[in-house]
Protein backbone atom coordinates (compact mmCIF):
# COMPACT_ATOMS: atom_id res chain seq x y z
CA MET A 1 -14.25 -28.56 -2.48
CA THR A 2 -17.36 -27.07 -0.92
CA PHE A 3 -17.20 -23.96 1.24
CA GLU A 4 -17.95 -25.93 4.41
CA GLU A 5 -15.15 -28.40 3.63
CA LEU A 6 -12.74 -25.55 2.95
CA ARG A 7 -13.65 -23.76 6.17
CA GLY A 8 -13.36 -26.96 8.17
CA ILE A 9 -9.82 -27.65 6.97
CA ASP A 10 -8.87 -24.02 7.58
CA SER A 11 -10.12 -24.13 11.16
CA GLN A 12 -8.20 -27.33 11.86
CA TYR A 13 -4.85 -26.58 10.22
CA VAL A 14 -4.47 -22.79 9.87
CA VAL A 15 -3.59 -20.35 12.67
CA GLN A 16 -6.78 -18.37 13.25
CA SER A 17 -5.24 -14.90 13.10
CA TYR A 18 -7.62 -13.50 10.48
CA GLY A 19 -11.23 -12.43 10.84
CA ARG A 20 -12.24 -13.94 7.51
CA ASN A 21 -15.58 -13.27 5.86
CA SER A 22 -17.74 -16.35 5.23
CA ILE A 23 -16.80 -16.17 1.57
CA ALA A 24 -14.49 -18.25 -0.60
CA ILE A 25 -13.13 -17.06 -3.95
CA ASP A 26 -12.28 -19.57 -6.66
CA HIS A 27 -11.45 -17.58 -9.80
CA GLY A 28 -12.10 -14.31 -11.59
CA GLN A 29 -11.40 -11.94 -14.42
CA GLY A 30 -10.71 -8.25 -14.09
CA ALA A 31 -12.78 -6.85 -11.22
CA VAL A 32 -15.29 -9.73 -11.24
CA LEU A 33 -14.65 -12.71 -8.96
CA TYR A 34 -16.53 -15.97 -8.45
CA GLY A 35 -16.99 -18.30 -5.50
CA PRO A 36 -16.85 -22.12 -5.73
CA ASP A 37 -20.64 -22.08 -6.05
CA GLY A 38 -20.51 -19.65 -8.98
CA LYS A 39 -21.68 -16.61 -7.01
CA GLU A 40 -20.40 -13.36 -8.54
CA TYR A 41 -18.57 -10.66 -6.60
CA ILE A 42 -17.51 -7.20 -7.75
CA ASP A 43 -14.05 -6.46 -6.42
CA PHE A 44 -13.76 -3.07 -4.70
CA ALA A 45 -10.96 -4.40 -2.48
CA SER A 46 -8.37 -5.86 -4.90
CA GLY A 47 -6.83 -8.01 -2.20
CA ILE A 48 -6.26 -4.90 -0.01
CA GLY A 49 -4.86 -2.89 -2.90
CA VAL A 50 -2.71 -5.68 -4.36
CA LEU A 51 -4.56 -6.61 -7.56
CA SER A 52 -3.59 -3.41 -9.33
CA VAL A 53 -4.37 -4.80 -12.80
CA GLY A 54 -7.26 -6.99 -11.67
CA THR A 55 -7.47 -10.77 -11.63
CA ALA A 56 -6.00 -12.89 -14.44
CA HIS A 57 -5.00 -10.02 -16.72
CA PRO A 58 -3.77 -11.79 -19.87
CA LYS A 59 -0.49 -9.82 -20.13
CA TRP A 60 0.27 -10.42 -16.44
CA THR A 61 -0.59 -14.12 -16.72
CA ALA A 62 1.60 -14.54 -19.79
CA ALA A 63 4.57 -12.81 -18.15
CA VAL A 64 4.32 -14.95 -15.00
CA SER A 65 3.92 -18.19 -16.96
CA GLU A 66 6.81 -17.47 -19.30
CA GLN A 67 9.20 -16.54 -16.49
CA ALA A 68 8.16 -19.48 -14.31
CA GLY A 69 9.12 -21.77 -17.16
CA LYS A 70 12.57 -20.19 -17.43
CA LEU A 71 13.82 -19.38 -13.93
CA GLY A 72 11.94 -19.34 -10.63
CA HIS A 73 14.74 -18.27 -8.28
CA ILE A 74 18.48 -17.64 -8.35
CA SER A 75 19.17 -15.38 -5.30
CA ASN A 76 20.92 -12.04 -5.22
CA LEU A 77 24.34 -13.63 -5.50
CA TYR A 78 23.83 -13.52 -9.27
CA TYR A 79 22.40 -11.14 -11.86
CA SER A 80 19.13 -11.83 -13.68
CA GLU A 81 17.27 -9.76 -16.24
CA PRO A 82 13.77 -9.30 -14.67
CA TYR A 83 14.83 -7.32 -11.57
CA VAL A 84 17.19 -5.15 -13.61
CA ARG A 85 14.45 -4.25 -16.07
CA LEU A 86 12.07 -3.54 -13.19
CA ALA A 87 14.53 -1.24 -11.42
CA GLU A 88 15.05 0.71 -14.64
CA LYS A 89 11.29 1.11 -15.20
CA LEU A 90 10.65 2.28 -11.62
CA CYS A 91 13.52 4.77 -11.52
CA THR A 92 12.78 6.17 -14.98
CA ARG A 93 9.12 6.80 -14.17
CA SER A 94 9.61 8.04 -10.61
CA GLY A 95 12.69 10.25 -10.96
CA MET A 96 14.43 8.29 -8.22
CA ALA A 97 17.98 6.93 -8.51
CA ALA A 98 18.03 3.27 -7.42
CA ALA A 99 15.82 0.44 -6.16
CA PHE A 100 16.00 -2.30 -3.54
CA PHE A 101 13.67 -5.30 -3.75
CA GLY A 102 12.17 -7.34 -0.91
CA ASN A 103 8.91 -9.17 -0.25
CA SER A 104 6.41 -7.04 1.66
CA GLY A 105 5.44 -3.58 2.78
CA ALA A 106 6.66 -4.08 6.33
CA GLU A 107 10.01 -5.30 5.03
CA ALA A 108 10.20 -2.31 2.69
CA ASN A 109 9.61 0.08 5.57
CA GLU A 110 12.18 -1.71 7.73
CA GLY A 111 14.61 -1.13 4.88
CA ILE A 112 14.16 2.63 4.73
CA ILE A 113 14.35 2.81 8.54
CA LYS A 114 17.74 1.08 8.36
CA LEU A 115 18.77 3.37 5.51
CA ALA A 116 17.96 6.50 7.52
CA ARG A 117 19.82 5.31 10.60
CA LYS A 118 22.94 4.28 8.67
CA HIS A 119 22.93 7.58 6.77
CA SER A 120 22.83 9.50 10.05
CA TRP A 121 25.38 7.25 11.79
CA GLU A 122 27.93 7.74 9.02
CA LYS A 123 27.48 11.51 9.10
CA TYR A 124 26.88 12.26 12.79
CA GLY A 125 27.79 9.13 14.72
CA GLU A 126 25.85 7.39 17.47
CA GLY A 127 22.77 8.85 19.21
CA ARG A 128 20.86 10.23 16.23
CA GLY A 129 18.55 7.40 15.21
CA THR A 130 15.04 8.55 16.18
CA ILE A 131 12.40 8.69 13.44
CA ILE A 132 9.26 10.82 13.72
CA THR A 133 6.03 9.22 12.49
CA LEU A 134 2.46 10.50 12.50
CA ASN A 135 -0.53 9.62 14.63
CA ARG A 136 -3.03 7.42 12.75
CA SER A 137 -0.25 6.05 10.56
CA PHE A 138 0.28 2.40 9.73
CA HIS A 139 3.66 1.03 8.63
CA GLY A 140 3.45 -2.75 9.09
CA ARG A 141 3.15 -5.62 11.55
CA THR A 142 6.73 -6.51 12.39
CA ILE A 143 7.88 -5.40 15.83
CA THR A 144 9.80 -2.44 14.41
CA THR A 145 7.13 -1.26 11.96
CA LEU A 146 4.50 -1.64 14.69
CA ALA A 147 6.67 0.64 16.83
CA ALA A 148 6.59 3.14 13.97
CA THR A 149 2.80 2.82 13.57
CA GLY A 150 0.81 5.64 15.15
CA GLN A 151 -2.24 3.61 16.25
CA ASP A 152 -2.34 2.08 19.70
CA VAL A 153 -4.96 -0.49 18.64
CA PHE A 154 -2.24 -2.44 16.81
CA HIS A 155 0.18 -2.36 19.75
CA LYS A 156 -1.56 -4.45 22.42
CA TYR A 157 0.11 -7.70 23.52
CA PHE A 158 3.40 -7.17 21.68
CA PHE A 159 5.52 -5.09 24.05
CA PRO A 160 8.38 -4.31 24.33
CA PHE A 161 8.82 -2.58 20.99
CA THR A 162 11.90 -1.44 19.13
CA GLU A 163 13.04 1.95 20.41
CA GLY A 164 13.72 5.02 18.31
CA PHE A 165 10.33 6.36 17.23
CA ARG A 166 8.41 9.47 18.26
CA ARG A 167 4.90 10.42 17.16
CA ALA A 168 3.42 13.73 16.05
CA ASP A 169 0.12 14.99 14.70
CA PRO A 170 0.02 15.88 10.99
CA ASN A 171 0.86 19.56 11.46
CA ILE A 172 4.22 21.28 11.46
CA ASP A 173 3.96 22.62 15.02
CA SER A 174 3.48 19.12 16.39
CA VAL A 175 6.42 17.78 14.38
CA GLN A 176 8.64 20.60 15.65
CA GLN A 177 7.61 19.78 19.23
CA ALA A 178 8.64 16.17 18.64
CA ALA A 179 11.99 17.21 17.20
CA GLY A 180 15.25 16.81 19.02
CA HIS A 181 18.96 16.36 18.54
CA ASP A 182 18.40 12.59 18.25
CA VAL A 183 16.13 12.73 15.15
CA CYS A 184 17.41 11.47 11.80
CA ALA A 185 14.25 11.22 9.67
CA VAL A 186 10.51 11.65 9.29
CA LEU A 187 8.37 8.79 7.90
CA VAL A 188 4.88 9.55 6.54
CA GLU A 189 2.06 8.14 4.43
CA LEU A 190 0.84 10.91 2.13
CA VAL A 191 -2.60 9.32 2.37
CA GLN A 192 -3.05 7.46 5.64
CA GLY A 193 -4.71 4.23 4.54
CA GLU A 194 -5.47 2.14 7.62
CA GLY A 195 -5.98 5.36 9.57
CA GLY A 196 -9.10 6.17 7.54
CA VAL A 197 -7.94 7.20 4.03
CA LEU A 198 -6.73 10.62 5.17
CA PRO A 199 -4.70 12.70 2.68
CA LEU A 200 -2.07 14.95 4.24
CA ASP A 201 -2.42 18.71 3.69
CA PRO A 202 -0.09 19.71 0.81
CA GLU A 203 1.02 22.80 2.73
CA PHE A 204 2.00 20.64 5.69
CA VAL A 205 3.98 18.33 3.39
CA ASP A 206 5.82 21.31 1.87
CA ASP A 207 6.66 22.62 5.33
CA LEU A 208 7.79 19.18 6.41
CA VAL A 209 10.16 18.84 3.46
CA LYS A 210 11.66 22.25 4.30
CA LEU A 211 12.02 21.27 7.96
CA CYS A 212 13.79 18.06 6.96
CA ALA A 213 16.20 20.06 4.80
CA ASP A 214 16.86 22.56 7.60
CA ARG A 215 17.53 19.82 10.20
CA ASP A 216 19.28 17.44 7.77
CA TRP A 217 16.68 14.75 8.35
CA LEU A 218 15.77 12.24 5.67
CA PHE A 219 12.24 12.60 4.29
CA LEU A 220 10.82 9.06 4.02
CA VAL A 221 7.50 8.24 2.33
CA ASP A 222 5.57 5.02 2.87
CA GLU A 223 3.97 4.33 -0.53
CA VAL A 224 3.01 0.74 0.24
CA GLN A 225 -0.69 1.46 -0.35
CA THR A 226 -0.53 4.73 -2.29
CA GLY A 227 2.09 3.65 -4.82
CA ILE A 228 1.93 2.00 -8.25
CA GLY A 229 -0.81 4.20 -9.66
CA ARG A 230 -3.31 3.89 -6.80
CA THR A 231 -3.81 7.65 -6.31
CA GLY A 232 -3.60 8.70 -9.97
CA SER A 233 0.18 9.00 -10.41
CA LEU A 234 2.73 6.20 -10.29
CA PHE A 235 3.70 7.39 -6.81
CA CYS A 236 1.67 9.71 -4.64
CA PHE A 237 4.67 11.95 -3.92
CA GLN A 238 4.61 12.99 -7.58
CA GLN A 239 1.21 14.66 -7.05
CA TYR A 240 2.53 16.48 -3.99
CA GLY A 241 5.42 17.86 -6.04
CA VAL A 242 8.13 16.55 -3.70
CA GLN A 243 10.92 14.02 -4.01
CA PRO A 244 11.58 11.91 -0.92
CA ASP A 245 14.99 10.64 0.06
CA ALA A 246 13.46 7.17 0.06
CA ALA A 247 10.02 5.72 -0.70
CA SER A 248 8.79 2.23 0.12
CA PHE A 249 6.42 0.28 -2.13
CA ALA A 250 4.67 -3.12 -2.13
CA LYS A 251 1.03 -4.24 -2.56
CA GLY A 252 0.21 -3.45 -6.22
CA ILE A 253 3.73 -3.66 -7.63
CA ALA A 254 3.58 -7.32 -8.76
CA GLY A 255 -0.17 -7.51 -9.32
CA GLY A 256 -0.79 -10.36 -6.86
CA LEU A 257 2.63 -11.91 -6.22
CA PRO A 258 4.62 -11.06 -3.07
CA MET A 259 6.99 -8.16 -3.65
CA GLY A 260 8.05 -5.01 -1.85
CA GLY A 261 10.99 -2.68 -1.91
CA PHE A 262 12.10 0.91 -1.82
CA LEU A 263 13.49 3.62 -4.05
CA VAL A 264 16.21 6.07 -3.05
CA ASN A 265 17.25 9.42 -4.48
CA GLU A 266 20.77 10.26 -5.59
CA ARG A 267 21.69 11.46 -2.10
CA CYS A 268 21.01 8.01 -0.64
CA ARG A 269 22.12 5.83 -3.54
CA LYS A 270 25.32 4.63 -1.81
CA VAL A 271 24.19 4.52 1.83
CA LEU A 272 23.64 0.76 1.84
CA GLY A 273 26.60 -1.30 0.71
CA PRO A 274 27.29 -5.04 0.45
CA GLY A 275 26.24 -6.77 3.67
CA ASP A 276 24.19 -3.84 5.04
CA HIS A 277 20.81 -5.13 3.91
CA ALA A 278 19.50 -8.18 2.06
CA SER A 279 16.47 -10.31 1.25
CA THR A 280 16.71 -13.91 0.03
CA PHE A 281 13.67 -13.67 -2.22
CA GLY A 282 14.11 -9.98 -3.10
CA GLY A 283 13.96 -9.37 -6.85
CA ASN A 284 12.65 -12.90 -7.45
CA PRO A 285 12.54 -13.43 -11.24
CA VAL A 286 8.86 -14.43 -11.38
CA SER A 287 7.71 -11.57 -9.14
CA ALA A 288 9.93 -9.12 -11.03
CA ALA A 289 8.57 -10.28 -14.38
CA ALA A 290 5.04 -9.84 -13.02
CA ALA A 291 5.92 -6.33 -11.82
CA CYS A 292 7.35 -5.41 -15.22
CA ALA A 293 4.06 -6.50 -16.79
CA VAL A 294 2.12 -4.44 -14.24
CA LEU A 295 4.10 -1.31 -15.11
CA ASP A 296 3.62 -1.93 -18.84
CA ILE A 297 -0.14 -2.31 -18.33
CA LEU A 298 -0.26 0.75 -16.08
CA ASP A 299 1.23 3.14 -18.60
CA ASP A 300 0.94 6.89 -18.14
CA GLU A 301 -2.43 7.05 -19.91
CA THR A 302 -3.94 4.26 -17.81
CA VAL A 303 -2.65 5.75 -14.57
CA ALA A 304 -4.05 9.16 -15.52
CA GLN A 305 -7.50 7.56 -15.90
CA VAL A 306 -7.39 6.50 -12.25
CA LYS A 307 -8.24 10.04 -11.16
CA GLU A 308 -11.35 10.12 -13.35
CA LYS A 309 -12.46 6.67 -12.17
CA GLY A 310 -12.05 7.72 -8.56
CA ARG A 311 -13.99 10.92 -9.16
CA TYR A 312 -16.79 8.93 -10.84
CA LEU A 313 -17.11 6.52 -7.90
CA ARG A 314 -17.00 9.23 -5.24
CA GLU A 315 -19.61 11.40 -6.96
CA ALA A 316 -21.89 8.40 -7.49
CA ILE A 317 -21.63 7.34 -3.84
CA GLU A 318 -22.34 10.83 -2.55
CA ALA A 319 -25.29 11.21 -4.96
CA MET A 320 -26.93 8.10 -3.45
CA ASP A 321 -27.40 9.99 -0.16
CA LEU A 322 -27.50 6.73 1.76
CA PRO A 323 -28.73 7.08 5.37
CA CYS A 324 -25.68 5.32 6.89
CA LEU A 325 -22.95 6.97 4.81
CA GLY A 326 -21.49 10.47 4.78
CA GLY A 327 -18.93 12.16 2.59
CA THR A 328 -16.05 10.60 0.70
CA ARG A 329 -12.34 11.37 0.72
CA GLY A 330 -9.11 10.08 -0.75
CA MET A 331 -7.16 10.29 -3.98
CA GLY A 332 -7.71 8.35 -7.20
CA LEU A 333 -8.94 4.84 -6.51
CA MET A 334 -8.04 5.02 -2.83
CA ILE A 335 -11.45 6.01 -1.49
CA GLY A 336 -12.67 6.40 2.07
CA VAL A 337 -16.36 6.76 2.90
CA GLU A 338 -17.57 8.20 6.19
CA VAL A 339 -19.93 6.01 8.22
CA LYS A 340 -22.48 8.00 10.20
CA ASP A 341 -23.06 7.66 13.92
CA GLY A 342 -25.35 4.77 14.71
CA SER A 343 -23.84 2.49 12.09
CA SER A 344 -20.82 0.19 12.30
CA ASN A 345 -18.35 0.15 9.43
CA LYS A 346 -17.58 -3.52 10.12
CA GLU A 347 -21.25 -4.47 9.94
CA LEU A 348 -21.78 -2.47 6.75
CA CYS A 349 -18.69 -4.00 5.18
CA ALA A 350 -19.87 -7.51 6.06
CA ARG A 351 -23.27 -6.81 4.51
CA LEU A 352 -21.68 -5.54 1.30
CA ASN A 353 -19.37 -8.54 1.07
CA GLN A 354 -22.27 -10.96 1.48
CA ALA A 355 -24.28 -9.03 -1.10
CA GLY A 356 -21.51 -9.41 -3.67
CA LEU A 357 -19.41 -6.25 -3.29
CA LEU A 358 -15.99 -6.96 -1.79
CA SER A 359 -15.14 -3.99 0.44
CA LEU A 360 -12.81 -2.93 3.26
CA THR A 361 -12.81 -0.82 6.40
CA ALA A 362 -10.34 1.87 7.45
CA GLY A 363 -10.49 3.77 10.70
CA LEU A 364 -14.20 4.26 11.38
CA GLY A 365 -15.20 4.33 7.71
CA LEU A 366 -15.41 2.12 4.63
CA ARG A 367 -12.55 1.84 2.17
CA PHE A 368 -12.71 1.01 -1.54
CA LEU A 369 -9.56 -0.02 -3.44
CA PRO A 370 -10.76 -1.47 -6.75
CA PRO A 371 -8.33 -2.66 -9.43
CA LEU A 372 -6.91 0.29 -11.35
CA THR A 373 -8.08 -1.34 -14.59
CA ILE A 374 -11.71 -1.58 -13.44
CA THR A 375 -14.18 -0.81 -16.21
CA ARG A 376 -17.18 1.52 -16.10
CA GLU A 377 -19.49 -1.50 -16.33
CA GLU A 378 -17.80 -3.15 -13.34
CA MET A 379 -17.97 0.09 -11.33
CA ASP A 380 -21.66 0.45 -12.11
CA LYS A 381 -22.36 -3.13 -11.00
CA GLY A 382 -20.62 -2.43 -7.72
CA LEU A 383 -22.48 0.83 -7.21
CA THR A 384 -25.78 -0.94 -7.83
CA ILE A 385 -25.01 -3.48 -5.10
CA LEU A 386 -23.92 -0.69 -2.75
CA LYS A 387 -27.15 1.23 -3.18
CA ALA A 388 -29.42 -1.82 -2.97
CA THR A 389 -27.69 -3.13 0.17
CA LEU A 390 -27.38 0.08 2.20
CA SER A 391 -30.47 2.07 1.15
């Protein structure tokens, strides 16, 4: 099918809710993708942080194929081996106590919101269900996770929202001003992805954890984008030296298949009981087998290399001294690049995509989320396109 044929069918039969680039992808390997016409693209986007082990990794492909030939779905009314093995791997490597599996990041965040409210209800009763979130945060596109999101740009058209959220700036004074007798938890991204790739100050995070302990609030971490090795540790909270009461995950966990979920610590292990929360496709055998393969590929040594790869890319970008770009920020292979006044991040991103470097925007800057398994050769190809396109 040609690109024009593909686009024509899309425009006729698909809801036009995405601002797609005029690019089609047919196949790929690692961090190199190809269009139907054979054009090559270097992947610095990884499907918005989903392709954690790149495209068509042989171990991932083998795991998916083998499981698909055995059992595609059974539901959570029965036990199956893949989700059990996955839960054990995640808990062992994160220090958390138990896992819940769903399908997406928004669903994962809805789950920890429900967890926090039930925990508070059982301990304090009604009237203590408010959750503090941060300005510039992003927690999903359902009505409830949009209500939790601290960016008004995502809110238009969809009122009224679910009640029970209050926003603060990422400093302890602002959080204390937002506090009240009705608060049960704080929900944060340790690196705000959609907000512009903005890491939280470690001192603020330490103070926030102490405040949560003092007020008996749950400390909730949204690791949908930062988790599964993206920042240079399996979960970002491990680099901050804190353990949340619950942490959501999604995106890179199954390497390209839909999966999300959350981890809880020992304190919250028994908050949700039978009937409190569920997901028909949660822990799907094929997705769980894919996720087990992802975690095997992203062993401790491979995840540790993510920091060095991120440092290499950031230093190379800053050394280019491109007229439209400023400094870089982020952690590991979650990289934000400042766009200088007079340039549009959307226009720059579109130019890079057309030139063969798949890229993203975040806030007012550019965002690069390459596969965690990207090679030095693939990084250098991407950097060459970046320099040639934006010089």
